[in-house]
Amino acid sequence: MKGLSSLGGLVYSTDHGRMCPDCRQPQAQCVCKAAAAPVGDGIVRVSRQTKGRGGKAVTVVTGLLLGGEALAQVGKQLKAACGSGGTVKDGTIEVQGDHVERVIEALKKSGHTVKRAGG
């Protein structure tokens, strides 16, 4: 039988709150998030997808080299510019509806290199 040390380390401290299981630091001071920076070629790709969505069009933005909070903020700005809903998940931004041209213009104004992907 293995000892209790095989179960992992400290996950909660009354002094610091939740602890990161990898670096053993409080989550506010976790160094794992900084090490997991997104990688890519620096080109933002905007496409329109309907597959698996019941025929509804969705504008998908990929390739933004931003962290979680910054990506969520850009997603919020794009959704507001298009006047529709959407989500940010797995490093991509999805805006409900066919808003490819509006999204491309908004991203170019922000200083990103943008390409239209797909048909």
C-alpha atoms as a PDB file:
ATOM      1  CA  MET A   1       0.000   0.000   0.000  1.00  0.00           C
ATOM      2  CA  LYS A   2       1.253   3.428  -0.897  1.00  0.00           C
ATOM      3  CA  GLY A   3       1.587   6.191   1.660  1.00  0.00           C
ATOM      4  CA  LEU A   4      -0.365   9.420   1.806  1.00  0.00           C
ATOM      5  CA  SER A   5       2.417  11.244  -0.036  1.00  0.00           C
ATOM      6  CA  SER A   6       1.425   9.439  -3.264  1.00  0.00           C
ATOM      7  CA  LEU A   7      -1.942  11.229  -3.200  1.00  0.00           C
ATOM      8  CA  GLY A   8      -0.335  14.577  -3.999  1.00  0.00           C
ATOM      9  CA  GLY A   9       0.412  17.619  -1.949  1.00  0.00           C
ATOM     10  CA  LEU A  10      -1.376  20.413  -0.226  1.00  0.00           C
ATOM     11  CA  VAL A  11      -4.462  21.620  -2.135  1.00  0.00           C
ATOM     12  CA  TYR A  12      -5.866  24.159   0.320  1.00  0.00           C
ATOM     13  CA  SER A  13      -4.344  26.327   3.005  1.00  0.00           C
ATOM     14  CA  THR A  14      -6.291  28.436   5.473  1.00  0.00           C
ATOM     15  CA  ASP A  15      -3.615  31.112   5.081  1.00  0.00           C
ATOM     16  CA  HIS A  16      -3.504  31.283   1.270  1.00  0.00           C
ATOM     17  CA  GLY A  17      -6.616  29.494  -0.037  1.00  0.00           C
ATOM     18  CA  ARG A  18      -6.392  27.092  -2.976  1.00  0.00           C
ATOM     19  CA  MET A  19      -2.930  25.847  -3.910  1.00  0.00           C
ATOM     20  CA  CYS A  20      -1.648  24.863  -7.356  1.00  0.00           C
ATOM     21  CA  PRO A  21      -0.993  21.093  -7.402  1.00  0.00           C
ATOM     22  CA  ASP A  22       1.913  21.436  -9.849  1.00  0.00           C
ATOM     23  CA  CYS A  23       4.087  24.245  -8.467  1.00  0.00           C
ATOM     24  CA  ARG A  24       2.748  24.090  -4.869  1.00  0.00           C
ATOM     25  CA  GLN A  25       2.199  27.868  -4.763  1.00  0.00           C
ATOM     26  CA  PRO A  26      -1.033  29.735  -3.917  1.00  0.00           C
ATOM     27  CA  GLN A  27      -3.117  30.057  -7.089  1.00  0.00           C
ATOM     28  CA  ALA A  28      -2.698  33.848  -7.060  1.00  0.00           C
ATOM     29  CA  GLN A  29       1.093  33.364  -7.272  1.00  0.00           C
ATOM     30  CA  CYS A  30       1.097  30.278  -9.513  1.00  0.00           C
ATOM     31  CA  VAL A  31       3.993  30.149 -11.986  1.00  0.00           C
ATOM     32  CA  CYS A  32       2.420  27.409 -14.122  1.00  0.00           C
ATOM     33  CA  LYS A  33       0.085  29.881 -15.878  1.00  0.00           C
ATOM     34  CA  ALA A  34       2.982  32.047 -17.043  1.00  0.00           C
ATOM     35  CA  ALA A  35       4.874  29.033 -18.406  1.00  0.00           C
ATOM     36  CA  ALA A  36       1.870  27.960 -20.516  1.00  0.00           C
ATOM     37  CA  ALA A  37       1.993  30.885 -22.943  1.00  0.00           C
ATOM     38  CA  PRO A  38       0.153  30.271 -26.214  1.00  0.00           C
ATOM     39  CA  VAL A  39       2.225  29.674 -29.335  1.00  0.00           C
ATOM     40  CA  GLY A  40       1.471  30.404 -32.969  1.00  0.00           C
ATOM     41  CA  ASP A  41       2.586  32.284 -36.072  1.00  0.00           C
ATOM     42  CA  GLY A  42       1.106  35.640 -35.009  1.00  0.00           C
ATOM     43  CA  ILE A  43      -1.634  35.657 -37.653  1.00  0.00           C
ATOM     44  CA  VAL A  44      -5.229  35.809 -36.443  1.00  0.00           C
ATOM     45  CA  ARG A  45      -7.571  33.712 -38.569  1.00  0.00           C
ATOM     46  CA  VAL A  46     -11.294  34.468 -38.831  1.00  0.00           C
ATOM     47  CA  SER A  47     -13.663  31.914 -40.341  1.00  0.00           C
ATOM     48  CA  ARG A  48     -17.362  31.096 -40.546  1.00  0.00           C
ATOM     49  CA  GLN A  49     -18.556  27.668 -39.440  1.00  0.00           C
ATOM     50  CA  THR A  50     -21.924  25.915 -39.503  1.00  0.00           C
ATOM     51  CA  LYS A  51     -20.881  22.308 -38.959  1.00  0.00           C
ATOM     52  CA  GLY A  52     -22.464  20.696 -35.902  1.00  0.00           C
ATOM     53  CA  ARG A  53     -24.550  23.762 -35.070  1.00  0.00           C
ATOM     54  CA  GLY A  54     -27.865  22.908 -36.682  1.00  0.00           C
ATOM     55  CA  GLY A  55     -27.163  25.111 -39.714  1.00  0.00           C
ATOM     56  CA  LYS A  56     -26.550  28.229 -37.617  1.00  0.00           C
ATOM     57  CA  ALA A  57     -23.514  30.287 -38.620  1.00  0.00           C
ATOM     58  CA  VAL A  58     -20.790  31.076 -36.094  1.00  0.00           C
ATOM     59  CA  THR A  59     -17.773  33.346 -36.628  1.00  0.00           C
ATOM     60  CA  VAL A  60     -14.646  31.688 -35.191  1.00  0.00           C
ATOM     61  CA  VAL A  61     -11.457  33.597 -34.311  1.00  0.00           C
ATOM     62  CA  THR A  62      -8.269  31.564 -33.797  1.00  0.00           C
ATOM     63  CA  GLY A  63      -4.597  32.397 -33.444  1.00  0.00           C
ATOM     64  CA  LEU A  64      -4.793  35.229 -30.908  1.00  0.00           C
ATOM     65  CA  LEU A  65      -1.630  34.964 -28.804  1.00  0.00           C
ATOM     66  CA  LEU A  66      -3.267  36.095 -25.582  1.00  0.00           C
ATOM     67  CA  GLY A  67      -3.776  34.585 -22.160  1.00  0.00           C
ATOM     68  CA  GLY A  68      -7.140  33.666 -20.665  1.00  0.00           C
ATOM     69  CA  GLU A  69      -8.192  37.031 -19.251  1.00  0.00           C
ATOM     70  CA  ALA A  70      -6.970  39.066 -22.228  1.00  0.00           C
ATOM     71  CA  LEU A  71      -8.628  36.654 -24.657  1.00  0.00           C
ATOM     72  CA  ALA A  72     -11.908  36.942 -22.747  1.00  0.00           C
ATOM     73  CA  GLN A  73     -11.671  40.745 -22.917  1.00  0.00           C
ATOM     74  CA  VAL A  74     -11.119  40.703 -26.703  1.00  0.00           C
ATOM     75  CA  GLY A  75     -14.029  38.281 -27.036  1.00  0.00           C
ATOM     76  CA  LYS A  76     -16.245  40.642 -25.089  1.00  0.00           C
ATOM     77  CA  GLN A  77     -15.255  43.566 -27.333  1.00  0.00           C
ATOM     78  CA  LEU A  78     -15.918  41.572 -30.514  1.00  0.00           C
ATOM     79  CA  LYS A  79     -19.325  40.404 -29.302  1.00  0.00           C
ATOM     80  CA  ALA A  80     -20.257  43.986 -28.438  1.00  0.00           C
ATOM     81  CA  ALA A  81     -19.065  45.241 -31.842  1.00  0.00           C
ATOM     82  CA  CYS A  82     -21.248  42.648 -33.582  1.00  0.00           C
ATOM     83  CA  GLY A  83     -24.205  43.040 -31.247  1.00  0.00           C
ATOM     84  CA  SER A  84     -24.493  39.327 -30.604  1.00  0.00           C
ATOM     85  CA  GLY A  85     -23.558  36.634 -28.130  1.00  0.00           C
ATOM     86  CA  GLY A  86     -20.755  34.153 -28.179  1.00  0.00           C
ATOM     87  CA  THR A  87     -18.154  32.382 -26.098  1.00  0.00           C
ATOM     88  CA  VAL A  88     -14.431  32.055 -25.483  1.00  0.00           C
ATOM     89  CA  LYS A  89     -13.177  28.487 -25.111  1.00  0.00           C
ATOM     90  CA  ASP A  90     -10.043  26.468 -25.851  1.00  0.00           C
ATOM     91  CA  GLY A  91      -8.137  29.536 -27.067  1.00  0.00           C
ATOM     92  CA  THR A  92     -10.760  30.468 -29.672  1.00  0.00           C
ATOM     93  CA  ILE A  93     -13.465  33.116 -29.758  1.00  0.00           C
ATOM     94  CA  GLU A  94     -16.873  32.212 -31.175  1.00  0.00           C
ATOM     95  CA  VAL A  95     -19.321  34.965 -32.096  1.00  0.00           C
ATOM     96  CA  GLN A  96     -22.877  33.936 -32.942  1.00  0.00           C
ATOM     97  CA  GLY A  97     -23.856  34.772 -36.505  1.00  0.00           C
ATOM     98  CA  ASP A  98     -22.009  35.557 -39.727  1.00  0.00           C
ATOM     99  CA  HIS A  99     -19.929  38.597 -38.689  1.00  0.00           C
ATOM    100  CA  VAL A 100     -16.622  37.792 -40.413  1.00  0.00           C
ATOM    101  CA  GLU A 101     -16.129  41.225 -41.991  1.00  0.00           C
ATOM    102  CA  ARG A 102     -16.979  43.142 -38.798  1.00  0.00           C
ATOM    103  CA  VAL A 103     -14.641  40.958 -36.743  1.00  0.00           C
ATOM    104  CA  ILE A 104     -11.799  41.375 -39.251  1.00  0.00           C
ATOM    105  CA  GLU A 105     -12.171  45.176 -39.202  1.00  0.00           C
ATOM    106  CA  ALA A 106     -12.332  45.296 -35.389  1.00  0.00           C
ATOM    107  CA  LEU A 107      -9.192  43.158 -35.064  1.00  0.00           C
ATOM    108  CA  LYS A 108      -7.296  45.221 -37.647  1.00  0.00           C
ATOM    109  CA  LYS A 109      -8.149  48.393 -35.706  1.00  0.00           C
ATOM    110  CA  SER A 110      -6.662  46.712 -32.630  1.00  0.00           C
ATOM    111  CA  GLY A 111      -3.402  46.200 -34.503  1.00  0.00           C
ATOM    112  CA  HIS A 112      -3.587  42.451 -35.230  1.00  0.00           C
ATOM    113  CA  THR A 113      -2.523  40.781 -38.472  1.00  0.00           C
ATOM    114  CA  VAL A 114      -5.758  39.186 -39.698  1.00  0.00           C
ATOM    115  CA  LYS A 115      -6.535  36.693 -42.447  1.00  0.00           C
ATOM    116  CA  ARG A 116      -9.880  35.324 -43.541  1.00  0.00           C
ATOM    117  CA  ALA A 117      -9.815  31.535 -43.334  1.00  0.00           C
ATOM    118  CA  GLY A 118     -12.151  29.114 -45.074  1.00  0.00           C
ATOM    119  CA  GLY A 119     -14.533  29.837 -47.933  1.00  0.00           C
END
